Amino acid sequence: MKPKKRAFWLFSLLVLLTLQNLFSLDFNSTEYRKYLPNLESFHLNIQQQSIKRDYAIFNGYYLISYESYKDLENKKPLFGHVVLYSGYIDDFIKISQFGGVSLYTKDNLRLSFPIRVYDNLYYYDREDRFYTICFLPYFSDCILLGIDYENSLF
């Protein structure tokens, strides 16, 4: 099996196993924290692959770690693909009149999420690390990993 296909299947399996349980949990619960080692391990694997420029493929898009993305000199070929970001909330959450939520991270990034994750982001502890997958280059349409999208307020 080719390395990219193997990486895709390993990534898919990890996401399915992790998110299957995470989507049924309250984001601030101790149950969520039980699955953090899986997200941390997943993030580390994506970082290692990104350093080698052997990007995992997620739904037809390259998945690159933020750490590798910010170090690239030519980012343009990755526009339209997705980035895995892990970090901390820095600034207050802003609600857009166009139906989205934005937050600023300690890495000076502005991430945009759908409005339905507002309740989860609002009560999230700013000292805890969060994981998200966003579209490049604007870090838009982010998916916050580890929350219950089905039961969000909006």
N, C-alpha and C. Protein backbone atom coordinates (compact mmCIF):
# COMPACT_ATOMS: atom_id res chain seq x y z
N MET A 1 0.85 -1.17 0.00
CA MET A 1 0.00 0.00 0.00
C MET A 1 0.89 1.24 0.00
N LYS A 2 0.56 2.22 -0.83
CA LYS A 2 1.36 3.44 -0.93
C LYS A 2 1.29 4.22 0.38
N PRO A 3 2.36 4.97 0.71
CA PRO A 3 2.39 5.70 1.98
C PRO A 3 1.24 6.68 2.14
N LYS A 4 0.85 7.38 1.06
CA LYS A 4 -0.25 8.35 1.18
C LYS A 4 -1.58 7.65 1.44
N LYS A 5 -1.80 6.51 0.78
CA LYS A 5 -3.03 5.77 1.02
C LYS A 5 -3.05 5.22 2.44
N ARG A 6 -1.89 4.71 2.88
CA ARG A 6 -1.81 4.19 4.24
C ARG A 6 -2.08 5.31 5.24
N ALA A 7 -1.49 6.47 5.01
CA ALA A 7 -1.70 7.60 5.90
C ALA A 7 -3.17 8.02 5.91
N PHE A 8 -3.79 8.00 4.74
CA PHE A 8 -5.21 8.36 4.65
C PHE A 8 -6.06 7.40 5.47
N TRP A 9 -5.82 6.11 5.33
CA TRP A 9 -6.63 5.12 6.04
C TRP A 9 -6.36 5.16 7.54
N LEU A 10 -5.12 5.37 7.93
CA LEU A 10 -4.82 5.50 9.35
C LEU A 10 -5.47 6.74 9.93
N PHE A 11 -5.39 7.82 9.17
CA PHE A 11 -6.02 9.07 9.60
C PHE A 11 -7.53 8.89 9.73
N SER A 12 -8.15 8.28 8.72
CA SER A 12 -9.60 8.07 8.74
C SER A 12 -10.01 7.21 9.92
N LEU A 13 -9.27 6.16 10.18
CA LEU A 13 -9.58 5.28 11.29
C LEU A 13 -9.46 6.03 12.61
N LEU A 14 -8.39 6.78 12.78
CA LEU A 14 -8.21 7.54 14.01
C LEU A 14 -9.33 8.55 14.20
N VAL A 15 -9.68 9.26 13.14
CA VAL A 15 -10.76 10.25 13.24
C VAL A 15 -12.07 9.57 13.61
N LEU A 16 -12.39 8.48 12.95
CA LEU A 16 -13.64 7.78 13.24
C LEU A 16 -13.69 7.27 14.67
N LEU A 17 -12.61 6.66 15.12
CA LEU A 17 -12.59 6.13 16.48
C LEU A 17 -12.65 7.23 17.53
N THR A 18 -11.92 8.31 17.27
CA THR A 18 -11.89 9.40 18.23
C THR A 18 -13.19 10.20 18.22
N LEU A 19 -13.61 10.61 17.04
CA LEU A 19 -14.76 11.50 16.95
C LEU A 19 -16.07 10.78 17.22
N GLN A 20 -16.12 9.50 17.00
CA GLN A 20 -17.34 8.75 17.30
C GLN A 20 -17.72 8.95 18.76
N ASN A 21 -16.74 8.90 19.63
CA ASN A 21 -16.99 9.09 21.05
C ASN A 21 -17.02 10.55 21.44
N LEU A 22 -16.20 11.38 20.80
CA LEU A 22 -16.13 12.79 21.19
C LEU A 22 -17.40 13.55 20.86
N PHE A 23 -18.05 13.23 19.74
CA PHE A 23 -19.23 14.00 19.35
C PHE A 23 -20.39 13.81 20.30
N SER A 24 -20.34 12.85 21.16
CA SER A 24 -21.43 12.64 22.11
C SER A 24 -21.13 13.25 23.47
N LEU A 25 -20.07 14.04 23.57
CA LEU A 25 -19.63 14.55 24.87
C LEU A 25 -19.77 16.07 24.95
N ASP A 26 -19.98 16.54 26.16
CA ASP A 26 -19.92 17.97 26.45
C ASP A 26 -18.46 18.40 26.34
N PHE A 27 -18.20 19.51 25.65
CA PHE A 27 -16.83 19.93 25.38
C PHE A 27 -16.03 20.18 26.65
N ASN A 28 -16.68 20.61 27.71
CA ASN A 28 -15.97 20.92 28.95
C ASN A 28 -15.99 19.77 29.94
N SER A 29 -16.50 18.63 29.56
CA SER A 29 -16.63 17.53 30.50
C SER A 29 -15.30 16.82 30.71
N THR A 30 -15.23 16.07 31.79
CA THR A 30 -14.05 15.25 32.04
C THR A 30 -13.98 14.12 31.04
N GLU A 31 -15.12 13.71 30.49
CA GLU A 31 -15.14 12.67 29.46
C GLU A 31 -14.37 13.15 28.22
N TYR A 32 -14.53 14.41 27.85
CA TYR A 32 -13.79 14.97 26.70
C TYR A 32 -12.30 14.86 26.94
N ARG A 33 -11.87 15.21 28.14
CA ARG A 33 -10.45 15.19 28.46
C ARG A 33 -9.86 13.78 28.37
N LYS A 34 -10.70 12.79 28.53
CA LYS A 34 -10.25 11.40 28.42
C LYS A 34 -9.75 11.10 27.01
N TYR A 35 -10.30 11.79 26.00
CA TYR A 35 -9.93 11.54 24.61
C TYR A 35 -8.84 12.48 24.09
N LEU A 36 -8.40 13.42 24.89
CA LEU A 36 -7.35 14.34 24.45
C LEU A 36 -6.07 13.65 24.03
N PRO A 37 -5.63 12.59 24.69
CA PRO A 37 -4.41 11.92 24.21
C PRO A 37 -4.53 11.44 22.76
N ASN A 38 -5.73 11.03 22.32
CA ASN A 38 -5.92 10.63 20.92
C ASN A 38 -5.74 11.82 19.99
N LEU A 39 -6.29 12.97 20.36
CA LEU A 39 -6.13 14.16 19.53
C LEU A 39 -4.68 14.62 19.52
N GLU A 40 -4.02 14.54 20.67
CA GLU A 40 -2.61 14.94 20.74
C GLU A 40 -1.75 14.02 19.87
N SER A 41 -2.03 12.73 19.93
CA SER A 41 -1.29 11.76 19.11
C SER A 41 -1.55 12.00 17.63
N PHE A 42 -2.79 12.24 17.29
CA PHE A 42 -3.17 12.54 15.91
C PHE A 42 -2.43 13.78 15.41
N HIS A 43 -2.41 14.83 16.23
CA HIS A 43 -1.75 16.08 15.88
C HIS A 43 -0.25 15.84 15.66
N LEU A 44 0.36 15.07 16.52
CA LEU A 44 1.78 14.77 16.40
C LEU A 44 2.07 14.01 15.10
N ASN A 45 1.22 13.05 14.75
CA ASN A 45 1.40 12.30 13.50
C ASN A 45 1.27 13.20 12.28
N ILE A 46 0.30 14.10 12.29
CA ILE A 46 0.13 15.03 11.17
C ILE A 46 1.33 15.96 11.09
N GLN A 47 1.86 16.40 12.24
CA GLN A 47 3.06 17.25 12.24
C GLN A 47 4.23 16.54 11.59
N GLN A 48 4.44 15.30 11.97
CA GLN A 48 5.57 14.54 11.43
C GLN A 48 5.44 14.34 9.93
N GLN A 49 4.22 14.04 9.46
CA GLN A 49 4.01 13.87 8.03
C GLN A 49 4.18 15.19 7.29
N SER A 50 3.74 16.28 7.90
CA SER A 50 3.84 17.59 7.26
C SER A 50 5.29 18.03 7.11
N ILE A 51 6.11 17.72 8.08
CA ILE A 51 7.53 18.07 8.00
C ILE A 51 8.16 17.40 6.78
N LYS A 52 7.75 16.16 6.51
CA LYS A 52 8.27 15.41 5.36
C LYS A 52 7.57 15.78 4.05
N ARG A 53 6.58 16.64 4.16
CA ARG A 53 5.72 17.04 3.03
C ARG A 53 5.01 15.83 2.42
N ASP A 54 4.70 14.87 3.26
CA ASP A 54 3.92 13.69 2.90
C ASP A 54 2.55 13.87 3.54
N TYR A 55 1.77 14.81 3.00
CA TYR A 55 0.53 15.23 3.63
C TYR A 55 -0.53 14.13 3.60
N ALA A 56 -1.24 14.02 4.71
CA ALA A 56 -2.39 13.13 4.75
C ALA A 56 -3.48 13.74 3.87
N ILE A 57 -4.38 12.92 3.39
CA ILE A 57 -5.47 13.42 2.55
C ILE A 57 -6.78 13.22 3.30
N PHE A 58 -7.53 14.30 3.43
CA PHE A 58 -8.80 14.29 4.15
C PHE A 58 -9.89 14.77 3.21
N ASN A 59 -10.77 13.87 2.79
CA ASN A 59 -11.85 14.19 1.84
C ASN A 59 -11.33 14.87 0.58
N GLY A 60 -10.20 14.43 0.09
CA GLY A 60 -9.63 14.98 -1.13
C GLY A 60 -8.77 16.21 -0.94
N TYR A 61 -8.62 16.67 0.29
CA TYR A 61 -7.80 17.85 0.60
C TYR A 61 -6.55 17.41 1.34
N TYR A 62 -5.44 18.08 1.07
CA TYR A 62 -4.24 17.83 1.88
C TYR A 62 -4.51 18.35 3.28
N LEU A 63 -4.05 17.61 4.27
CA LEU A 63 -4.14 18.03 5.67
C LEU A 63 -2.72 18.28 6.16
N ILE A 64 -2.45 19.53 6.54
CA ILE A 64 -1.11 19.94 6.96
C ILE A 64 -1.20 20.51 8.37
N SER A 65 -0.15 20.34 9.13
CA SER A 65 -0.13 20.93 10.47
C SER A 65 0.15 22.43 10.36
N TYR A 66 -0.39 23.19 11.29
CA TYR A 66 -0.18 24.63 11.28
C TYR A 66 1.30 24.98 11.42
N GLU A 67 2.01 24.23 12.25
CA GLU A 67 3.43 24.51 12.48
C GLU A 67 4.23 24.42 11.19
N SER A 68 3.92 23.43 10.38
CA SER A 68 4.62 23.28 9.09
C SER A 68 4.15 24.34 8.09
N TYR A 69 2.86 24.63 8.11
CA TYR A 69 2.30 25.62 7.18
C TYR A 69 2.93 26.99 7.39
N LYS A 70 3.06 27.41 8.64
CA LYS A 70 3.60 28.76 8.88
C LYS A 70 5.07 28.88 8.49
N ASP A 71 5.80 27.75 8.44
CA ASP A 71 7.21 27.78 8.06
C ASP A 71 7.44 27.70 6.55
N LEU A 72 6.39 27.43 5.78
CA LEU A 72 6.54 27.33 4.33
C LEU A 72 6.82 28.71 3.72
N GLU A 73 7.68 28.75 2.73
CA GLU A 73 7.93 30.00 2.02
C GLU A 73 6.86 30.25 0.97
N ASN A 74 6.47 29.21 0.24
CA ASN A 74 5.44 29.33 -0.79
C ASN A 74 4.19 28.58 -0.32
N LYS A 75 3.24 29.33 0.19
CA LYS A 75 2.02 28.73 0.74
C LYS A 75 0.91 28.58 -0.30
N LYS A 76 1.04 29.27 -1.40
CA LYS A 76 -0.02 29.32 -2.40
C LYS A 76 -0.49 27.95 -2.90
N PRO A 77 0.40 26.97 -3.12
CA PRO A 77 -0.08 25.66 -3.59
C PRO A 77 -1.03 24.96 -2.61
N LEU A 78 -1.02 25.37 -1.35
CA LEU A 78 -1.89 24.72 -0.36
C LEU A 78 -3.19 25.48 -0.12
N PHE A 79 -3.38 26.60 -0.78
CA PHE A 79 -4.64 27.33 -0.64
C PHE A 79 -5.79 26.43 -1.07
N GLY A 80 -6.84 26.42 -0.29
CA GLY A 80 -7.99 25.57 -0.60
C GLY A 80 -7.92 24.21 0.10
N HIS A 81 -6.77 23.90 0.69
CA HIS A 81 -6.63 22.66 1.45
C HIS A 81 -6.90 22.96 2.92
N VAL A 82 -6.69 21.98 3.80
CA VAL A 82 -7.03 22.18 5.20
C VAL A 82 -5.81 22.07 6.10
N VAL A 83 -5.89 22.76 7.24
CA VAL A 83 -4.81 22.79 8.21
C VAL A 83 -5.36 22.31 9.55
N LEU A 84 -4.55 21.55 10.26
CA LEU A 84 -4.88 21.12 11.62
C LEU A 84 -4.18 22.07 12.57
N TYR A 85 -4.97 22.77 13.36
CA TYR A 85 -4.42 23.74 14.30
C TYR A 85 -4.71 23.29 15.72
N SER A 86 -3.75 23.48 16.58
CA SER A 86 -3.90 23.20 18.00
C SER A 86 -3.34 24.39 18.75
N GLY A 87 -4.13 24.97 19.63
CA GLY A 87 -3.65 26.14 20.34
C GLY A 87 -4.59 26.56 21.46
N TYR A 88 -4.47 27.83 21.82
CA TYR A 88 -5.21 28.38 22.95
C TYR A 88 -5.96 29.64 22.51
N ILE A 89 -7.12 29.86 23.09
CA ILE A 89 -7.91 31.06 22.80
C ILE A 89 -7.24 32.24 23.51
N ASP A 90 -7.11 33.35 22.78
CA ASP A 90 -6.50 34.54 23.35
C ASP A 90 -7.52 35.64 23.59
N ASP A 91 -8.31 35.94 22.58
CA ASP A 91 -9.21 37.08 22.66
C ASP A 91 -10.65 36.60 22.73
N PHE A 92 -11.53 37.52 23.08
CA PHE A 92 -12.94 37.19 23.18
C PHE A 92 -13.50 36.75 21.84
N ILE A 93 -14.55 36.04 21.91
CA ILE A 93 -15.20 35.51 20.72
C ILE A 93 -16.08 36.61 20.11
N LYS A 94 -15.98 36.75 18.80
CA LYS A 94 -16.77 37.76 18.08
C LYS A 94 -17.83 37.04 17.25
N ILE A 95 -19.04 37.56 17.28
CA ILE A 95 -20.11 37.00 16.48
C ILE A 95 -20.32 37.88 15.26
N SER A 96 -20.34 37.26 14.09
CA SER A 96 -20.51 37.98 12.85
C SER A 96 -21.99 38.10 12.52
N GLN A 97 -22.36 39.17 11.86
CA GLN A 97 -23.74 39.33 11.41
C GLN A 97 -24.07 38.39 10.27
N PHE A 98 -23.05 37.76 9.70
CA PHE A 98 -23.25 36.84 8.59
C PHE A 98 -23.39 35.40 9.06
N GLY A 99 -23.49 35.18 10.37
CA GLY A 99 -23.77 33.85 10.88
C GLY A 99 -22.59 33.04 11.32
N GLY A 100 -21.48 33.66 11.65
CA GLY A 100 -20.31 32.91 12.09
C GLY A 100 -19.77 33.43 13.41
N VAL A 101 -18.82 32.71 13.94
CA VAL A 101 -18.15 33.06 15.18
C VAL A 101 -16.66 33.09 14.91
N SER A 102 -15.98 34.10 15.40
CA SER A 102 -14.53 34.18 15.23
C SER A 102 -13.87 34.28 16.59
N LEU A 103 -12.67 33.73 16.67
CA LEU A 103 -11.88 33.88 17.87
C LEU A 103 -10.44 34.12 17.47
N TYR A 104 -9.71 34.70 18.36
CA TYR A 104 -8.29 34.97 18.13
C TYR A 104 -7.48 34.07 19.04
N THR A 105 -6.41 33.52 18.49
CA THR A 105 -5.58 32.58 19.24
C THR A 105 -4.33 33.27 19.75
N LYS A 106 -3.62 32.59 20.61
CA LYS A 106 -2.37 33.13 21.13
C LYS A 106 -1.29 33.18 20.07
N ASP A 107 -1.52 32.51 18.92
CA ASP A 107 -0.60 32.58 17.78
C ASP A 107 -0.98 33.70 16.83
N ASN A 108 -1.87 34.61 17.25
CA ASN A 108 -2.34 35.75 16.46
C ASN A 108 -3.07 35.31 15.19
N LEU A 109 -3.84 34.26 15.29
CA LEU A 109 -4.67 33.81 14.17
C LEU A 109 -6.13 34.15 14.46
N ARG A 110 -6.86 34.44 13.41
CA ARG A 110 -8.30 34.62 13.51
C ARG A 110 -8.93 33.41 12.87
N LEU A 111 -9.66 32.62 13.66
CA LEU A 111 -10.32 31.41 13.18
C LEU A 111 -11.82 31.66 13.09
N SER A 112 -12.44 31.19 12.02
CA SER A 112 -13.88 31.37 11.83
C SER A 112 -14.60 30.03 11.91
N PHE A 113 -15.66 30.00 12.71
CA PHE A 113 -16.44 28.79 12.94
C PHE A 113 -17.91 29.07 12.61
N PRO A 114 -18.69 28.01 12.37
CA PRO A 114 -20.13 28.19 12.22
C PRO A 114 -20.74 28.64 13.55
N ILE A 115 -21.84 29.34 13.51
CA ILE A 115 -22.47 29.88 14.71
C ILE A 115 -22.86 28.79 15.70
N ARG A 116 -23.11 27.60 15.22
CA ARG A 116 -23.58 26.53 16.12
C ARG A 116 -22.55 26.11 17.16
N VAL A 117 -21.28 26.51 17.04
CA VAL A 117 -20.29 26.15 18.05
C VAL A 117 -20.07 27.27 19.06
N TYR A 118 -20.85 28.35 18.95
CA TYR A 118 -20.68 29.49 19.86
C TYR A 118 -20.79 29.07 21.32
N ASP A 119 -21.81 28.29 21.65
CA ASP A 119 -22.01 27.89 23.05
C ASP A 119 -20.82 27.10 23.57
N ASN A 120 -20.23 26.27 22.74
CA ASN A 120 -19.08 25.50 23.16
C ASN A 120 -17.84 26.38 23.34
N LEU A 121 -17.62 27.30 22.41
CA LEU A 121 -16.46 28.18 22.49
C LEU A 121 -16.56 29.16 23.66
N TYR A 122 -17.77 29.65 23.91
CA TYR A 122 -17.96 30.66 24.94
C TYR A 122 -17.56 30.14 26.32
N TYR A 123 -17.88 28.90 26.60
CA TYR A 123 -17.60 28.34 27.92
C TYR A 123 -16.29 27.56 27.97
N TYR A 124 -15.54 27.59 26.90
CA TYR A 124 -14.28 26.85 26.86
C TYR A 124 -13.24 27.56 27.71
N ASP A 125 -12.49 26.80 28.49
CA ASP A 125 -11.45 27.34 29.36
C ASP A 125 -10.27 27.79 28.50
N ARG A 126 -9.89 29.05 28.60
CA ARG A 126 -8.82 29.60 27.77
C ARG A 126 -7.44 29.04 28.10
N GLU A 127 -7.33 28.31 29.17
CA GLU A 127 -6.06 27.69 29.53
C GLU A 127 -5.91 26.29 28.95
N ASP A 128 -6.97 25.77 28.34
CA ASP A 128 -6.94 24.44 27.76
C ASP A 128 -6.70 24.51 26.26
N ARG A 129 -5.97 23.56 25.75
CA ARG A 129 -5.67 23.47 24.32
C ARG A 129 -6.92 22.97 23.59
N PHE A 130 -7.16 23.53 22.40
CA PHE A 130 -8.25 23.03 21.56
C PHE A 130 -7.68 22.63 20.20
N TYR A 131 -8.42 21.81 19.48
CA TYR A 131 -8.01 21.30 18.17
C TYR A 131 -9.08 21.64 17.16
N THR A 132 -8.63 22.06 15.98
CA THR A 132 -9.57 22.42 14.92
C THR A 132 -8.95 22.15 13.56
N ILE A 133 -9.80 21.92 12.58
CA ILE A 133 -9.38 21.79 11.19
C ILE A 133 -10.02 22.95 10.44
N CYS A 134 -9.21 23.73 9.70
CA CYS A 134 -9.70 24.91 8.99
C CYS A 134 -9.24 24.91 7.54
N PHE A 135 -10.00 25.62 6.69
CA PHE A 135 -9.61 25.79 5.30
C PHE A 135 -8.61 26.93 5.17
N LEU A 136 -7.64 26.70 4.30
CA LEU A 136 -6.61 27.70 4.01
C LEU A 136 -7.06 28.56 2.83
N PRO A 137 -6.62 29.77 2.69
CA PRO A 137 -5.60 30.48 3.46
C PRO A 137 -6.16 31.33 4.60
N TYR A 138 -7.49 31.42 4.70
CA TYR A 138 -8.09 32.37 5.65
C TYR A 138 -8.49 31.75 6.98
N PHE A 139 -8.19 30.47 7.19
CA PHE A 139 -8.58 29.76 8.41
C PHE A 139 -10.08 29.92 8.64
N SER A 140 -10.81 29.63 7.59
CA SER A 140 -12.26 29.78 7.64
C SER A 140 -12.93 28.41 7.68
N ASP A 141 -14.23 28.42 7.92
CA ASP A 141 -15.03 27.19 7.96
C ASP A 141 -14.39 26.13 8.83
N CYS A 142 -13.95 26.54 10.01
CA CYS A 142 -13.25 25.62 10.91
C CYS A 142 -14.22 24.62 11.53
N ILE A 143 -13.70 23.44 11.79
CA ILE A 143 -14.44 22.39 12.49
C ILE A 143 -13.74 22.20 13.82
N LEU A 144 -14.44 22.49 14.89
CA LEU A 144 -13.88 22.32 16.23
C LEU A 144 -13.98 20.85 16.59
N LEU A 145 -12.85 20.21 16.83
CA LEU A 145 -12.83 18.79 17.13
C LEU A 145 -13.18 18.55 18.59
N GLY A 146 -14.00 17.54 18.81
CA GLY A 146 -14.31 17.13 20.17
C GLY A 146 -15.59 17.70 20.74
N ILE A 147 -16.48 18.22 19.92
CA ILE A 147 -17.74 18.73 20.45
C ILE A 147 -18.91 18.01 19.78
N ASP A 148 -20.08 18.19 20.35
CA ASP A 148 -21.30 17.56 19.88
C ASP A 148 -22.02 18.56 18.96
N TYR A 149 -21.78 18.46 17.65
CA TYR A 149 -22.43 19.36 16.70
C TYR A 149 -23.93 19.13 16.63
N GLU A 150 -24.36 17.91 16.87
CA GLU A 150 -25.79 17.58 16.78
C GLU A 150 -26.61 18.33 17.82
N ASN A 151 -26.04 18.52 19.00
CA ASN A 151 -26.81 19.12 20.11
C ASN A 151 -26.38 20.54 20.45
N SER A 152 -25.68 21.22 19.54
CA SER A 152 -25.34 22.62 19.78
C SER A 152 -26.61 23.45 19.76
N LEU A 153 -26.58 24.60 20.42
CA LEU A 153 -27.78 25.41 20.58
C LEU A 153 -28.34 25.94 19.28
N PHE A 154 -27.49 26.26 18.31
CA PHE A 154 -27.97 26.90 17.08
C PHE A 154 -28.16 25.92 15.96
